[in-house]
Amino acid sequence: MTLSTSVATPLRLAAVAAAVLLTTTACSSSEGDDVARDPAPDAPTGAPALDLPADVRSRGLVMVMDTGDGPEVCLGAIAESWPPQCGGPEVLGWDWSEHEIHEKQGRVRWGSFAVTGSWDGTALTVADAIPAALYDVMREEPEPDPLPTDPPSAAELEAIADEVAAVLPGVSGAQGAYPTEQQVYVDVPFDDGTLQQWADTTYGEHVVVVVPALLPRQA
């Protein structure tokens, strides 16, 4: 009769030790990979909210367009047709009879004005409007925008333009975001400096230049 035994022999101990070593090595290798692997970089978390409504003025002249469904302020590109074609946020408190210096064709009315008023993020309530014919355009030449000390590559600038177009509020309603040789310009309806500060912090100083159509009135 053969009796089984639980006493470990040298051969059995060697086999067990080898199995444990292999298992421990595999686990350690897997855990090491997890620890050493860098996480994917986070996408921008979004621009900070602006303090709205805000008292604003236009950056120079803007076009107020009314195709018959109510006035809009064109903060982006304007098609050079007759009448011109453009669109934008709704203009509240506007009465064409109070702004006689404007163009008209059929039911379409339009004109260029320097405006002041209140911006709530979706609509502009106009308090005052100076027609282009009476607007004093004598201003100092703006200084060139400073350039980044270490400009991103062309591919990086393209990626940044795509990101800021998706993150900053209202960009799709204006010209959008577009890279130049060393920077990205992004048109927004309004900025009180908050969006530019966010862009400098996120991408580095002077990499992204925020160009608002509306500025704080006191600026």
Protein backbone atom coordinates (compact mmCIF):
# COMPACT_ATOMS: atom_id res chain seq x y z
CA MET A 1 0.00 0.00 0.00
CA THR A 2 1.29 3.49 -0.99
CA LEU A 3 0.98 6.27 1.58
CA SER A 4 0.78 9.92 0.48
CA THR A 5 2.84 12.44 2.44
CA SER A 6 2.65 16.20 2.91
CA VAL A 7 6.34 16.51 3.70
CA ALA A 8 7.99 18.72 1.08
CA THR A 9 10.93 17.27 -0.74
CA PRO A 10 13.78 19.42 -2.03
CA LEU A 11 12.54 18.94 -5.61
CA ARG A 12 9.00 19.96 -4.68
CA LEU A 13 10.27 23.02 -2.78
CA ALA A 14 12.28 24.09 -5.80
CA ALA A 15 9.26 23.80 -8.10
CA VAL A 16 7.05 25.77 -5.75
CA ALA A 17 9.66 28.47 -5.32
CA ALA A 18 10.01 28.80 -9.09
CA ALA A 19 6.23 29.14 -9.54
CA VAL A 20 6.01 31.79 -6.82
CA LEU A 21 8.92 33.69 -8.33
CA LEU A 22 7.29 33.73 -11.77
CA THR A 23 3.95 34.89 -10.38
CA THR A 24 5.55 37.62 -8.28
CA THR A 25 7.64 38.83 -11.19
CA ALA A 26 4.62 39.03 -13.49
CA CYS A 27 2.58 40.97 -10.93
CA SER A 28 5.45 43.32 -10.19
CA SER A 29 5.99 43.94 -13.88
CA SER A 30 2.31 44.72 -14.45
CA GLU A 31 2.13 47.02 -11.44
CA GLY A 32 5.34 48.73 -12.46
CA ASP A 33 3.93 49.46 -15.91
CA ASP A 34 0.82 50.99 -14.35
CA VAL A 35 2.87 53.24 -12.12
CA ALA A 36 5.36 54.29 -14.77
CA ARG A 37 2.77 55.03 -17.46
CA ASP A 38 2.08 58.76 -17.70
CA PRO A 39 -1.57 59.72 -18.03
CA ALA A 40 -2.71 61.38 -21.22
CA PRO A 41 -2.53 65.18 -20.98
CA ASP A 42 -5.80 66.77 -19.98
CA ALA A 43 -7.67 68.92 -22.50
CA PRO A 44 -8.42 72.52 -21.51
CA THR A 45 -11.10 72.51 -18.85
CA GLY A 46 -12.84 75.53 -20.32
CA ALA A 47 -12.59 79.26 -20.07
CA PRO A 48 -13.76 81.02 -16.93
CA ALA A 49 -17.21 82.60 -16.97
CA LEU A 50 -17.41 86.29 -17.73
CA ASP A 51 -19.11 88.71 -15.38
CA LEU A 52 -22.33 89.47 -17.29
CA PRO A 53 -24.24 91.57 -18.07
CA ALA A 54 -21.52 94.11 -18.74
CA ASP A 55 -21.46 97.70 -19.92
CA VAL A 56 -19.72 97.62 -23.29
CA ARG A 57 -18.63 99.63 -26.27
CA SER A 58 -17.80 98.39 -29.73
CA ARG A 59 -14.22 98.15 -30.91
CA GLY A 60 -14.56 100.81 -33.58
CA LEU A 61 -17.51 100.48 -35.97
CA VAL A 62 -19.87 97.51 -36.19
CA MET A 63 -22.67 96.88 -38.65
CA VAL A 64 -26.26 96.70 -37.51
CA MET A 65 -28.23 94.59 -40.00
CA ASP A 66 -31.98 94.08 -40.24
CA THR A 67 -33.36 91.83 -42.97
CA GLY A 68 -36.90 92.31 -41.73
CA ASP A 69 -36.85 89.95 -38.75
CA GLY A 70 -35.26 92.38 -36.30
CA PRO A 71 -31.86 94.05 -35.96
CA GLU A 72 -28.66 92.09 -35.37
CA VAL A 73 -25.13 93.28 -34.70
CA CYS A 74 -22.53 91.78 -37.02
CA LEU A 75 -19.45 90.92 -34.99
CA GLY A 76 -17.78 88.77 -37.63
CA ALA A 77 -17.26 88.66 -41.37
CA ILE A 78 -19.47 90.72 -43.70
CA ALA A 79 -20.16 89.66 -47.30
CA GLU A 80 -19.52 92.56 -49.68
CA SER A 81 -22.76 92.29 -51.61
CA TRP A 82 -25.63 94.73 -52.05
CA PRO A 83 -27.15 94.73 -49.60
CA PRO A 84 -24.31 93.32 -47.51
CA GLN A 85 -24.87 90.00 -45.78
CA CYS A 86 -24.00 89.28 -42.19
CA GLY A 87 -25.57 88.24 -38.93
CA GLY A 88 -24.94 88.10 -35.24
CA PRO A 89 -26.47 88.58 -31.82
CA GLU A 90 -29.85 90.24 -31.44
CA VAL A 91 -29.93 94.01 -30.86
CA LEU A 92 -32.44 95.15 -28.25
CA GLY A 93 -33.78 98.68 -27.83
CA TRP A 94 -33.14 99.59 -31.45
CA ASP A 95 -35.47 101.82 -33.46
CA TRP A 96 -34.44 102.68 -37.01
CA SER A 97 -36.37 105.95 -36.81
CA GLU A 98 -33.87 107.09 -34.18
CA HIS A 99 -30.91 106.22 -36.43
CA GLU A 100 -31.74 107.95 -39.69
CA ILE A 101 -28.26 107.68 -41.20
CA HIS A 102 -28.47 104.17 -42.61
CA GLU A 103 -28.96 102.31 -45.88
CA LYS A 104 -32.15 100.68 -47.06
CA GLN A 105 -33.12 98.34 -49.88
CA GLY A 106 -36.61 96.89 -49.81
CA ARG A 107 -37.20 95.58 -46.32
CA VAL A 108 -33.48 95.38 -45.53
CA ARG A 109 -31.86 98.11 -43.45
CA TRP A 110 -28.27 98.39 -42.35
CA GLY A 111 -25.62 100.82 -41.18
CA SER A 112 -22.24 101.05 -39.46
CA PHE A 113 -22.19 102.49 -35.97
CA ALA A 114 -20.00 102.85 -32.91
CA VAL A 115 -22.27 101.54 -30.19
CA THR A 116 -22.40 101.45 -26.42
CA GLY A 117 -24.79 99.45 -24.31
CA SER A 118 -25.15 96.28 -22.28
CA TRP A 119 -24.05 92.77 -23.29
CA ASP A 120 -25.66 89.75 -21.58
CA GLY A 121 -23.82 87.05 -23.49
CA THR A 122 -26.50 86.54 -26.16
CA ALA A 123 -27.91 89.98 -27.01
CA LEU A 124 -26.77 93.61 -27.12
CA THR A 125 -29.01 96.30 -25.64
CA VAL A 126 -27.93 99.55 -27.29
CA ALA A 127 -27.82 102.73 -25.23
CA ASP A 128 -26.14 104.96 -27.83
CA ALA A 129 -25.02 104.64 -31.44
CA ILE A 130 -22.85 107.02 -33.46
CA PRO A 131 -23.18 106.52 -37.25
CA ALA A 132 -20.00 106.05 -39.25
CA ALA A 133 -20.45 109.43 -40.97
CA LEU A 134 -20.19 111.20 -37.60
CA TYR A 135 -17.66 108.93 -35.93
CA ASP A 136 -14.22 110.31 -35.13
CA VAL A 137 -11.85 107.71 -36.51
CA MET A 138 -8.72 109.60 -35.49
CA ARG A 139 -7.05 107.18 -33.11
CA GLU A 140 -3.49 106.18 -32.29
CA GLU A 141 -2.12 103.30 -34.29
CA PRO A 142 -2.35 100.15 -32.16
CA GLU A 143 0.95 98.65 -31.12
CA PRO A 144 1.85 95.30 -32.67
CA ASP A 145 0.90 92.30 -30.57
CA PRO A 146 3.94 90.94 -28.70
CA LEU A 147 5.17 87.57 -29.94
CA PRO A 148 5.75 84.45 -27.82
CA THR A 149 9.35 83.81 -26.83
CA ASP A 150 9.07 80.15 -27.85
CA PRO A 151 6.45 79.91 -30.64
CA PRO A 152 4.66 76.56 -31.05
CA SER A 153 5.06 74.60 -34.26
CA ALA A 154 2.61 75.02 -37.13
CA ALA A 155 0.90 71.75 -36.18
CA GLU A 156 0.63 72.85 -32.54
CA LEU A 157 -0.86 76.19 -33.57
CA GLU A 158 -3.48 74.38 -35.66
CA ALA A 159 -4.37 72.19 -32.67
CA ILE A 160 -4.56 75.20 -30.37
CA ALA A 161 -6.85 76.99 -32.82
CA ASP A 162 -9.20 74.01 -32.85
CA GLU A 163 -9.20 73.86 -29.04
CA VAL A 164 -9.90 77.52 -28.40
CA ALA A 165 -12.62 77.55 -31.07
CA ALA A 166 -14.39 74.80 -29.13
CA VAL A 167 -13.77 76.23 -25.65
CA LEU A 168 -14.14 80.02 -25.83
CA PRO A 169 -17.70 81.37 -25.80
CA GLY A 170 -19.19 82.70 -29.01
CA VAL A 171 -16.25 82.01 -31.32
CA SER A 172 -18.39 80.21 -33.91
CA GLY A 173 -20.49 83.35 -34.18
CA ALA A 174 -17.51 85.45 -35.16
CA GLN A 175 -14.60 84.79 -37.48
CA GLY A 176 -13.36 81.94 -35.38
CA ALA A 177 -9.82 81.02 -34.41
CA TYR A 178 -7.04 81.07 -36.96
CA PRO A 179 -3.28 80.47 -36.69
CA THR A 180 -0.62 82.78 -38.08
CA GLU A 181 3.08 82.01 -38.32
CA GLN A 182 3.66 82.28 -34.56
CA GLN A 183 0.30 82.87 -32.87
CA VAL A 184 -3.39 82.04 -32.86
CA TYR A 185 -5.91 84.85 -33.19
CA VAL A 186 -9.39 84.21 -31.88
CA ASP A 187 -12.38 86.50 -32.36
CA VAL A 188 -14.92 86.61 -29.53
CA PRO A 189 -17.96 88.82 -28.96
CA PHE A 190 -16.69 90.22 -25.64
CA ASP A 191 -13.77 90.03 -23.25
CA ASP A 192 -12.99 92.08 -20.16
CA GLY A 193 -9.49 90.60 -19.99
CA THR A 194 -10.60 87.34 -18.36
CA LEU A 195 -10.40 85.25 -21.54
CA GLN A 196 -6.99 86.66 -22.50
CA GLN A 197 -5.64 85.86 -19.04
CA TRP A 198 -6.99 82.30 -19.33
CA ALA A 199 -5.39 81.90 -22.75
CA ASP A 200 -2.01 83.13 -21.47
CA THR A 201 -2.16 80.75 -18.52
CA THR A 202 -3.26 77.78 -20.64
CA TYR A 203 -1.02 78.14 -23.70
CA GLY A 204 1.71 80.55 -22.65
CA GLU A 205 1.93 84.31 -22.94
CA HIS A 206 1.17 85.78 -26.37
CA VAL A 207 0.52 82.42 -28.02
CA VAL A 208 -3.22 83.12 -28.25
CA VAL A 209 -4.44 86.66 -28.94
CA VAL A 210 -8.09 87.20 -27.98
CA VAL A 211 -9.75 89.84 -30.17
CA PRO A 212 -13.11 90.96 -28.72
CA ALA A 213 -15.62 92.89 -30.83
CA LEU A 214 -17.04 94.44 -27.64
CA LEU A 215 -14.91 95.94 -24.87
CA PRO A 216 -15.72 97.13 -21.35
CA ARG A 217 -17.16 100.61 -21.71
CA GLN A 218 -14.59 102.19 -19.41
CA ALA A 219 -11.68 100.69 -21.39
